[in-house]
C-alpha atoms as a PDB file:
ATOM      1  CA  MET A   1      21.516  -5.155  -4.528  1.00  0.00           C
ATOM      2  CA  SER A   2      22.476  -3.625  -7.857  1.00  0.00           C
ATOM      3  CA  GLY A   3      20.728  -1.325 -10.268  1.00  0.00           C
ATOM      4  CA  SER A   4      22.341  -3.007 -13.295  1.00  0.00           C
ATOM      5  CA  LEU A   5      20.433  -5.588 -15.349  1.00  0.00           C
ATOM      6  CA  ALA A   6      23.631  -7.551 -15.927  1.00  0.00           C
ATOM      7  CA  ASP A   7      24.069  -7.928 -12.161  1.00  0.00           C
ATOM      8  CA  PHE A   8      20.572  -9.296 -11.495  1.00  0.00           C
ATOM      9  CA  GLY A   9      20.640 -12.214  -9.092  1.00  0.00           C
ATOM     10  CA  THR A  10      18.142 -14.469  -7.344  1.00  0.00           C
ATOM     11  CA  MET A  11      16.972 -11.741  -4.992  1.00  0.00           C
ATOM     12  CA  GLU A  12      16.115  -9.313  -7.802  1.00  0.00           C
ATOM     13  CA  TRP A  13      14.116 -11.940  -9.707  1.00  0.00           C
ATOM     14  CA  MET A  14      12.328 -12.928  -6.501  1.00  0.00           C
ATOM     15  CA  LEU A  15      11.299  -9.306  -5.925  1.00  0.00           C
ATOM     16  CA  ILE A  16       9.877  -9.155  -9.453  1.00  0.00           C
ATOM     17  CA  ALA A  17       7.924 -12.374  -8.802  1.00  0.00           C
ATOM     18  CA  VAL A  18       6.608 -10.991  -5.506  1.00  0.00           C
ATOM     19  CA  ALA A  19       5.554  -7.804  -7.313  1.00  0.00           C
ATOM     20  CA  PHE A  20       3.499  -9.901  -9.748  1.00  0.00           C
ATOM     21  CA  VAL A  21       1.838 -11.993  -7.032  1.00  0.00           C
ATOM     22  CA  SER A  22       1.122  -8.996  -4.793  1.00  0.00           C
ATOM     23  CA  ALA A  23      -0.515  -7.058  -7.633  1.00  0.00           C
ATOM     24  CA  THR A  24      -2.659 -10.094  -8.466  1.00  0.00           C
ATOM     25  CA  LEU A  25      -3.900 -10.191  -4.876  1.00  0.00           C
ATOM     26  CA  SER A  26      -4.672  -6.470  -4.889  1.00  0.00           C
ATOM     27  CA  GLY A  27      -6.466  -6.801  -8.224  1.00  0.00           C
ATOM     28  CA  ILE A  28      -8.798  -9.380  -6.666  1.00  0.00           C
ATOM     29  CA  SER A  29      -9.392  -8.004  -3.178  1.00  0.00           C
ATOM     30  CA  GLY A  30      -8.276  -4.363  -3.423  1.00  0.00           C
ATOM     31  CA  ALA A  31      -5.760  -4.562  -0.560  1.00  0.00           C
ATOM     32  CA  GLY A  32      -2.781  -6.467   0.757  1.00  0.00           C
ATOM     33  CA  GLY A  33      -0.355  -6.444  -2.135  1.00  0.00           C
ATOM     34  CA  GLY A  34       1.571  -3.379  -1.045  1.00  0.00           C
ATOM     35  CA  THR A  35       2.251  -4.779   2.415  1.00  0.00           C
ATOM     36  CA  ILE A  36       3.524  -8.046   0.994  1.00  0.00           C
ATOM     37  CA  LEU A  37       5.773  -6.168  -1.405  1.00  0.00           C
ATOM     38  CA  ILE A  38       7.294  -3.804   1.159  1.00  0.00           C
ATOM     39  CA  GLY A  39       7.954  -6.792   3.414  1.00  0.00           C
ATOM     40  CA  ALA A  40       9.848  -8.479   0.594  1.00  0.00           C
ATOM     41  CA  ILE A  41      11.867  -5.329  -0.120  1.00  0.00           C
ATOM     42  CA  TYR A  42      12.842  -5.025   3.545  1.00  0.00           C
ATOM     43  CA  ALA A  43      13.743  -8.725   3.566  1.00  0.00           C
ATOM     44  CA  ALA A  44      16.092  -8.069   0.651  1.00  0.00           C
ATOM     45  CA  GLY A  45      18.137  -5.900   3.011  1.00  0.00           C
ATOM     46  CA  MET A  46      17.196  -2.413   1.850  1.00  0.00           C
ATOM     47  CA  PRO A  47      17.071   0.336   4.510  1.00  0.00           C
ATOM     48  CA  PRO A  48      13.832   2.353   4.830  1.00  0.00           C
ATOM     49  CA  ILE A  49      15.355   5.389   3.107  1.00  0.00           C
ATOM     50  CA  VAL A  50      15.683   3.245  -0.073  1.00  0.00           C
ATOM     51  CA  ALA A  51      12.883   0.719   0.459  1.00  0.00           C
ATOM     52  CA  VAL A  52      10.065   3.243   0.915  1.00  0.00           C
ATOM     53  CA  PRO A  53      10.602   5.293  -2.285  1.00  0.00           C
ATOM     54  CA  LEU A  54      11.364   2.164  -4.373  1.00  0.00           C
ATOM     55  CA  HIS A  55       8.147   0.620  -3.098  1.00  0.00           C
ATOM     56  CA  ALA A  56       6.300   3.882  -3.792  1.00  0.00           C
ATOM     57  CA  SER A  57       7.460   4.012  -7.416  1.00  0.00           C
ATOM     58  CA  VAL A  58       6.363   0.426  -8.119  1.00  0.00           C
ATOM     59  CA  GLN A  59       3.086   0.682  -6.213  1.00  0.00           C
ATOM     60  CA  MET A  60       2.208   3.958  -7.889  1.00  0.00           C
ATOM     61  CA  VAL A  61       2.225   2.088 -11.212  1.00  0.00           C
ATOM     62  CA  SER A  62       0.414  -0.901  -9.706  1.00  0.00           C
ATOM     63  CA  ASN A  63      -2.358   1.263  -8.316  1.00  0.00           C
ATOM     64  CA  ALA A  64      -2.551   3.384 -11.468  1.00  0.00           C
ATOM     65  CA  SER A  65      -3.077   0.247 -13.552  1.00  0.00           C
ATOM     66  CA  ARG A  66      -5.841  -0.782 -11.140  1.00  0.00           C
ATOM     67  CA  VAL A  67      -7.437   2.658 -11.543  1.00  0.00           C
ATOM     68  CA  VAL A  68      -7.553   2.086 -15.308  1.00  0.00           C
ATOM     69  CA  ALA A  69      -9.076  -1.356 -14.780  1.00  0.00           C
ATOM     70  CA  TYR A  70     -11.838   0.037 -12.536  1.00  0.00           C
ATOM     71  CA  LEU A  71     -12.053   3.545 -14.005  1.00  0.00           C
ATOM     72  CA  PRO A  72     -15.863   3.775 -14.431  1.00  0.00           C
ATOM     73  CA  HIS A  73     -16.344   3.047 -10.722  1.00  0.00           C
ATOM     74  CA  VAL A  74     -13.848   5.553  -9.240  1.00  0.00           C
ATOM     75  CA  ARG A  75     -15.162   8.275  -6.881  1.00  0.00           C
ATOM     76  CA  TRP A  76     -13.085  11.291  -7.925  1.00  0.00           C
ATOM     77  CA  SER A  77     -14.490  13.590  -5.252  1.00  0.00           C
ATOM     78  CA  ALA A  78     -13.405  11.127  -2.546  1.00  0.00           C
ATOM     79  CA  ALA A  79      -9.881  11.051  -4.008  1.00  0.00           C
ATOM     80  CA  LEU A  80      -9.717  14.856  -3.950  1.00  0.00           C
ATOM     81  CA  VAL A  81     -10.510  14.967  -0.213  1.00  0.00           C
ATOM     82  CA  PHE A  82      -8.001  12.165   0.388  1.00  0.00           C
ATOM     83  CA  GLY A  83      -5.294  14.026  -1.520  1.00  0.00           C
ATOM     84  CA  LEU A  84      -5.777  17.190   0.496  1.00  0.00           C
ATOM     85  CA  GLY A  85      -5.317  15.173   3.684  1.00  0.00           C
ATOM     86  CA  ALA A  86      -2.314  13.228   2.417  1.00  0.00           C
ATOM     87  CA  LEU A  87      -0.289  16.011   0.792  1.00  0.00           C
ATOM     88  CA  PRO A  88       1.537  17.831   3.633  1.00  0.00           C
ATOM     89  CA  ALA A  89       2.785  14.977   5.815  1.00  0.00           C
ATOM     90  CA  PRO A  90       5.348  13.233   3.531  1.00  0.00           C
ATOM     91  CA  PHE A  91       7.379  16.437   3.171  1.00  0.00           C
ATOM     92  CA  VAL A  92       7.580  16.714   6.967  1.00  0.00           C
ATOM     93  CA  VAL A  93       8.210  13.028   7.669  1.00  0.00           C
ATOM     94  CA  ALA A  94      10.612  12.050   4.830  1.00  0.00           C
ATOM     95  CA  PRO A  95      13.694  13.775   6.336  1.00  0.00           C
ATOM     96  CA  LEU A  96      13.064  11.887   9.602  1.00  0.00           C
ATOM     97  CA  VAL A  97      12.664   8.386   8.151  1.00  0.00           C
ATOM     98  CA  SER A  98      16.248   7.311   8.797  1.00  0.00           C
ATOM     99  CA  MET A  99      15.737   7.980  12.533  1.00  0.00           C
ATOM    100  CA  VAL A 100      12.475   6.037  12.985  1.00  0.00           C
ATOM    101  CA  ASN A 101      12.217   2.382  13.977  1.00  0.00           C
ATOM    102  CA  PRO A 102       9.493   1.138  11.606  1.00  0.00           C
ATOM    103  CA  ASP A 103       8.707  -1.842  13.836  1.00  0.00           C
ATOM    104  CA  TYR A 104       7.028   0.417  16.390  1.00  0.00           C
ATOM    105  CA  VAL A 105       4.901   1.909  13.645  1.00  0.00           C
ATOM    106  CA  ARG A 106       4.000  -1.586  12.398  1.00  0.00           C
ATOM    107  CA  LEU A 107       2.781  -2.516  15.873  1.00  0.00           C
ATOM    108  CA  LEU A 108       0.585   0.581  16.017  1.00  0.00           C
ATOM    109  CA  MET A 109      -0.778  -0.130  12.535  1.00  0.00           C
ATOM    110  CA  ALA A 110      -1.612  -3.743  13.359  1.00  0.00           C
ATOM    111  CA  GLY A 111      -3.357  -2.819  16.592  1.00  0.00           C
ATOM    112  CA  PHE A 112      -5.420  -0.118  14.915  1.00  0.00           C
ATOM    113  CA  ILE A 113      -6.484  -2.392  12.045  1.00  0.00           C
ATOM    114  CA  LEU A 114      -7.575  -5.223  14.317  1.00  0.00           C
ATOM    115  CA  TRP A 115      -9.471  -2.769  16.518  1.00  0.00           C
ATOM    116  CA  THR A 116     -11.385  -1.235  13.610  1.00  0.00           C
ATOM    117  CA  LEU A 117     -12.497  -4.665  12.433  1.00  0.00           C
ATOM    118  CA  LEU A 118     -14.112  -5.577  15.760  1.00  0.00           C
ATOM    119  CA  PRO A 119     -17.947  -5.574  15.473  1.00  0.00           C
ATOM    120  CA  ARG A 120     -18.482  -2.810  18.046  1.00  0.00           C
ATOM    121  CA  ALA A 121     -15.337  -0.778  17.510  1.00  0.00           C
ATOM    122  CA  SER A 122     -15.880  -0.663  13.746  1.00  0.00           C
ATOM    123  CA  ARG A 123     -18.808   1.696  14.330  1.00  0.00           C
ATOM    124  CA  ALA A 124     -16.321   4.259  15.654  1.00  0.00           C
ATOM    125  CA  VAL A 125     -14.907   4.716  12.149  1.00  0.00           C
ATOM    126  CA  THR A 126     -18.325   4.869  10.486  1.00  0.00           C
ATOM    127  CA  LEU A 127     -17.750   8.439   9.380  1.00  0.00           C
ATOM    128  CA  SER A 128     -19.219  10.418   6.533  1.00  0.00           C
ATOM    129  CA  ASP A 129     -17.510   9.813   3.200  1.00  0.00           C
ATOM    130  CA  ARG A 130     -15.694  13.152   3.397  1.00  0.00           C
ATOM    131  CA  ALA A 131     -14.480  12.640   6.977  1.00  0.00           C
ATOM    132  CA  ALA A 132     -13.394   9.073   6.218  1.00  0.00           C
ATOM    133  CA  MET A 133     -11.395  10.109   3.151  1.00  0.00           C
ATOM    134  CA  GLY A 134      -9.741  13.020   4.960  1.00  0.00           C
ATOM    135  CA  THR A 135      -8.744  10.788   7.877  1.00  0.00           C
ATOM    136  CA  ALA A 136      -7.430   8.113   5.526  1.00  0.00           C
ATOM    137  CA  GLY A 137      -5.394  10.750   3.687  1.00  0.00           C
ATOM    138  CA  VAL A 138      -3.724  12.030   6.847  1.00  0.00           C
ATOM    139  CA  LEU A 139      -2.873   8.473   7.945  1.00  0.00           C
ATOM    140  CA  ASN A 140      -1.516   7.623   4.501  1.00  0.00           C
ATOM    141  CA  GLY A 141       0.649  10.717   4.295  1.00  0.00           C
ATOM    142  CA  GLY A 142       2.140  10.403   7.767  1.00  0.00           C
ATOM    143  CA  VAL A 143       2.544   6.664   8.260  1.00  0.00           C
ATOM    144  CA  GLY A 144       3.220   5.805   4.607  1.00  0.00           C
ATOM    145  CA  ALA A 145       6.415   7.832   4.487  1.00  0.00           C
ATOM    146  CA  VAL A 146       7.789   5.692   7.325  1.00  0.00           C
ATOM    147  CA  VAL A 147       6.661   2.126   6.583  1.00  0.00           C
ATOM    148  CA  GLY A 148       5.789   2.336   2.882  1.00  0.00           C
ATOM    149  CA  ALA A 149       2.541   0.368   2.695  1.00  0.00           C
ATOM    150  CA  THR A 150      -0.693   1.729   4.176  1.00  0.00           C
ATOM    151  CA  GLY A 151      -3.398  -0.108   2.242  1.00  0.00           C
ATOM    152  CA  LEU A 152      -4.331  -2.271   5.196  1.00  0.00           C
ATOM    153  CA  LEU A 153      -4.290   0.755   7.525  1.00  0.00           C
ATOM    154  CA  ILE A 154      -6.639   2.900   5.467  1.00  0.00           C
ATOM    155  CA  GLY A 155      -8.608   0.013   3.940  1.00  0.00           C
ATOM    156  CA  PRO A 156     -11.437   0.071   6.528  1.00  0.00           C
ATOM    157  CA  PHE A 157     -12.240   3.680   5.624  1.00  0.00           C
ATOM    158  CA  PHE A 158     -13.029   2.600   2.055  1.00  0.00           C
ATOM    159  CA  LEU A 159     -15.623  -0.005   3.017  1.00  0.00           C
ATOM    160  CA  ARG A 160     -18.418   2.541   2.552  1.00  0.00           C
ATOM    161  CA  PRO A 161     -21.955   1.152   3.012  1.00  0.00           C
ATOM    162  CA  THR A 162     -23.162   2.557  -0.320  1.00  0.00           C
ATOM    163  CA  TRP A 163     -20.108   1.584  -2.417  1.00  0.00           C
ATOM    164  CA  ARG A 164     -19.946  -1.481  -4.616  1.00  0.00           C
ATOM    165  CA  LYS A 165     -16.810  -3.639  -4.493  1.00  0.00           C
ATOM    166  CA  GLU A 166     -15.534  -2.109  -7.759  1.00  0.00           C
ATOM    167  CA  THR A 167     -15.913   1.388  -6.307  1.00  0.00           C
ATOM    168  CA  THR A 168     -13.943   0.418  -3.201  1.00  0.00           C
ATOM    169  CA  ILE A 169     -11.110  -1.119  -5.223  1.00  0.00           C
ATOM    170  CA  GLY A 170     -10.902   1.627  -7.845  1.00  0.00           C
ATOM    171  CA  THR A 171     -11.136   4.569  -5.441  1.00  0.00           C
ATOM    172  CA  LEU A 172      -8.655   3.039  -2.998  1.00  0.00           C
ATOM    173  CA  ALA A 173      -6.249   2.474  -5.905  1.00  0.00           C
ATOM    174  CA  LEU A 174      -6.507   6.104  -7.041  1.00  0.00           C
ATOM    175  CA  CYS A 175      -5.943   7.383  -3.503  1.00  0.00           C
ATOM    176  CA  GLN A 176      -2.955   5.097  -3.037  1.00  0.00           C
ATOM    177  CA  SER A 177      -1.496   6.334  -6.334  1.00  0.00           C
ATOM    178  CA  LEU A 178      -1.741   9.911  -5.093  1.00  0.00           C
ATOM    179  CA  GLY A 179      -0.119   8.981  -1.782  1.00  0.00           C
ATOM    180  CA  HIS A 180       2.793   7.251  -3.502  1.00  0.00           C
ATOM    181  CA  ALA A 181       3.299  10.215  -5.848  1.00  0.00           C
ATOM    182  CA  PHE A 182       3.495  12.560  -2.857  1.00  0.00           C
ATOM    183  CA  LYS A 183       6.029  10.270  -1.147  1.00  0.00           C
ATOM    184  CA  LEU A 184       8.244  10.079  -4.238  1.00  0.00           C
ATOM    185  CA  THR A 185       8.239  13.853  -4.543  1.00  0.00           C
ATOM    186  CA  ALA A 186       9.061  14.251  -0.849  1.00  0.00           C
ATOM    187  CA  PHE A 187      11.974  11.783  -1.001  1.00  0.00           C
ATOM    188  CA  ALA A 188      13.277  13.472  -4.149  1.00  0.00           C
ATOM    189  CA  THR A 189      13.562  16.714  -2.178  1.00  0.00           C
ATOM    190  CA  ILE A 190      15.989  15.041   0.250  1.00  0.00           C
ATOM    191  CA  GLY A 191      18.176  13.575  -2.476  1.00  0.00           C
ATOM    192  CA  PHE A 192      16.831  10.073  -3.200  1.00  0.00           C
ATOM    193  CA  GLN A 193      17.493   9.055  -6.805  1.00  0.00           C
ATOM    194  CA  VAL A 194      14.982   6.399  -7.820  1.00  0.00           C
ATOM    195  CA  LEU A 195      16.882   5.791 -11.081  1.00  0.00           C
ATOM    196  CA  ASP A 196      19.678   4.223  -9.018  1.00  0.00           C
ATOM    197  CA  GLN A 197      17.396   1.161  -8.995  1.00  0.00           C
ATOM    198  CA  ALA A 198      16.075   1.693 -12.532  1.00  0.00           C
ATOM    199  CA  TRP A 199      16.330  -1.889 -13.838  1.00  0.00           C
ATOM    200  CA  LEU A 200      14.867  -3.444 -10.717  1.00  0.00           C
ATOM    201  CA  MET A 201      12.099  -0.859 -10.720  1.00  0.00           C
ATOM    202  CA  ALA A 202      11.365  -1.589 -14.395  1.00  0.00           C
ATOM    203  CA  GLY A 203      11.162  -5.338 -13.798  1.00  0.00           C
ATOM    204  CA  MET A 204       8.887  -4.931 -10.799  1.00  0.00           C
ATOM    205  CA  THR A 205       6.733  -2.466 -12.733  1.00  0.00           C
ATOM    206  CA  VAL A 206       6.157  -5.020 -15.506  1.00  0.00           C
ATOM    207  CA  GLY A 207       5.335  -7.554 -12.787  1.00  0.00           C
ATOM    208  CA  VAL A 208       2.684  -5.382 -11.131  1.00  0.00           C
ATOM    209  CA  ILE A 209       1.025  -4.449 -14.431  1.00  0.00           C
ATOM    210  CA  ALA A 210       0.756  -8.130 -15.394  1.00  0.00           C
ATOM    211  CA  GLY A 211      -0.464  -9.025 -11.908  1.00  0.00           C
ATOM    212  CA  THR A 212      -3.145  -6.345 -11.995  1.00  0.00           C
ATOM    213  CA  ALA A 213      -4.431  -7.644 -15.325  1.00  0.00           C
ATOM    214  CA  LEU A 214      -4.628 -11.184 -13.938  1.00  0.00           C
ATOM    215  CA  GLY A 215      -6.267 -10.024 -10.706  1.00  0.00           C
ATOM    216  CA  ARG A 216      -8.872  -8.007 -12.619  1.00  0.00           C
ATOM    217  CA  GLY A 217      -9.779 -11.132 -14.576  1.00  0.00           C
ATOM    218  CA  LEU A 218     -10.030 -13.277 -11.457  1.00  0.00           C
ATOM    219  CA  HIS A 219     -12.069 -10.590  -9.707  1.00  0.00           C
ATOM    220  CA  HIS A 220     -15.154 -11.623 -11.688  1.00  0.00           C
ATOM    221  CA  PHE A 221     -15.209 -14.880  -9.765  1.00  0.00           C
ATOM    222  CA  VAL A 222     -15.615 -13.045  -6.427  1.00  0.00           C
ATOM    223  CA  GLN A 223     -19.303 -12.444  -5.652  1.00  0.00           C
ATOM    224  CA  GLU A 224     -20.436  -9.124  -4.140  1.00  0.00           C
ATOM    225  CA  LYS A 225     -21.544 -10.785  -0.882  1.00  0.00           C
ATOM    226  CA  ALA A 226     -18.155 -12.487  -0.529  1.00  0.00           C
ATOM    227  CA  PHE A 227     -16.089  -9.366  -1.203  1.00  0.00           C
ATOM    228  CA  ARG A 228     -16.314  -7.713   2.223  1.00  0.00           C
ATOM    229  CA  PRO A 229     -15.348 -10.897   4.144  1.00  0.00           C
ATOM    230  CA  LEU A 230     -12.465 -11.399   1.691  1.00  0.00           C
ATOM    231  CA  PHE A 231     -11.317  -7.793   2.043  1.00  0.00           C
ATOM    232  CA  LYS A 232     -11.496  -7.943   5.849  1.00  0.00           C
ATOM    233  CA  GLY A 233      -9.814 -11.349   5.878  1.00  0.00           C
ATOM    234  CA  VAL A 234      -6.841  -9.964   3.955  1.00  0.00           C
ATOM    235  CA  LEU A 235      -6.597  -7.093   6.443  1.00  0.00           C
ATOM    236  CA  VAL A 236      -6.622  -9.469   9.424  1.00  0.00           C
ATOM    237  CA  LEU A 237      -3.957 -11.759   7.959  1.00  0.00           C
ATOM    238  CA  LEU A 238      -1.673  -8.859   7.146  1.00  0.00           C
ATOM    239  CA  ALA A 239      -2.198  -7.255  10.555  1.00  0.00           C
ATOM    240  CA  VAL A 240      -1.158 -10.518  12.196  1.00  0.00           C
ATOM    241  CA  LYS A 241       1.880 -10.619   9.914  1.00  0.00           C
ATOM    242  CA  LEU A 242       2.821  -7.084  11.010  1.00  0.00           C
ATOM    243  CA  LEU A 243       2.558  -8.108  14.669  1.00  0.00           C
ATOM    244  CA  TRP A 244       4.655 -11.205  14.072  1.00  0.00           C
ATOM    245  CA  ASP A 245       7.400  -9.481  12.082  1.00  0.00           C
ATOM    246  CA  ALA A 246       7.709  -6.484  14.398  1.00  0.00           C
ATOM    247  CA  GLY A 247       7.475  -8.525  17.581  1.00  0.00           C
ATOM    248  CA  ARG A 248      10.105 -11.011  16.439  1.00  0.00           C
ATOM    249  CA  ARG A 249      12.591  -8.264  15.586  1.00  0.00           C
ATOM    250  CA  LEU A 250      11.932  -6.213  18.707  1.00  0.00           C
ATOM    251  CA  LEU A 251      12.145  -9.189  21.076  1.00  0.00           C
ATOM    252  CA  GLY A 252      15.240 -10.460  19.319  1.00  0.00           C
ATOM    253  CA  ALA A 253      16.968  -7.076  19.506  1.00  0.00           C
END
C-alpha cells in the first residue's frame, strides 16, 4: 500500500470505489457506509493504527458533506451534548490501539446492536434526547478509536420518536464528523501522519463526496414510513457481518 499516485494499484482503486458506494448507502439510509469502508481498509492489509485514522479522515469528509446536504434538519444542541461525551475517550484509547484485538470489540458491538433492536429490549435505550446523545458520544469516543466505525453502534440512539428521517441522518452525520475529528487529533498526538496516505485519502475523499451527492438524490425515493425499517435493516445486516468476520478470524486463529 503506497501513498504515491504513480504507485496506485488495483487495491487502491477498489478502496476508492468502496468509498463511493459506502457514501451512497449512508446518503440514503444514514448508516452503514462507515462499517463497510473500514472493513475494506482492514481487508487491504492495513493495521488498526493506520486503518482507523485513515478511515476517520475520509469519513469526516463523508459525514461533513452529508451535514451540508441535510443542514436545515440538523439538531445542533444534540451534537453539542454528543461532542462533550465523545471528546475525552480517544485521547485515552489511541495509545492503546496497537494492543487491542478489534475482533473482540466487534463481537461486543454486534451483540449490543442486535439486542437494542429487539422489540422489548429497545425500550431500554428509550432515553431522553440529552441522555441518548451523551451515551452515544461516550460509545463513539471509546469504541471508535479501536474499530473505526461506530455508526451502527450509536445508530439506535438517533432514532428519536419526534425526529424526521432527515433530522436523524443530518444530526448523526454531524456527530460522526465530530467523533472522527477527535480521533484524528488523538492519533496525531501519538505520531500518526495522515499525509503518508495523501493520494489514497484524496481519491477516497472524492469518492465519498460523489457518493453522498448520489445518495442524497436517491433519498427522495425512500418514504418516511419505510425509513425506520430500512435504517434498522442496515444495522442488522452489518451486525451480522461483524459477527461473521470476527468469529471467522477468532475461530481460525
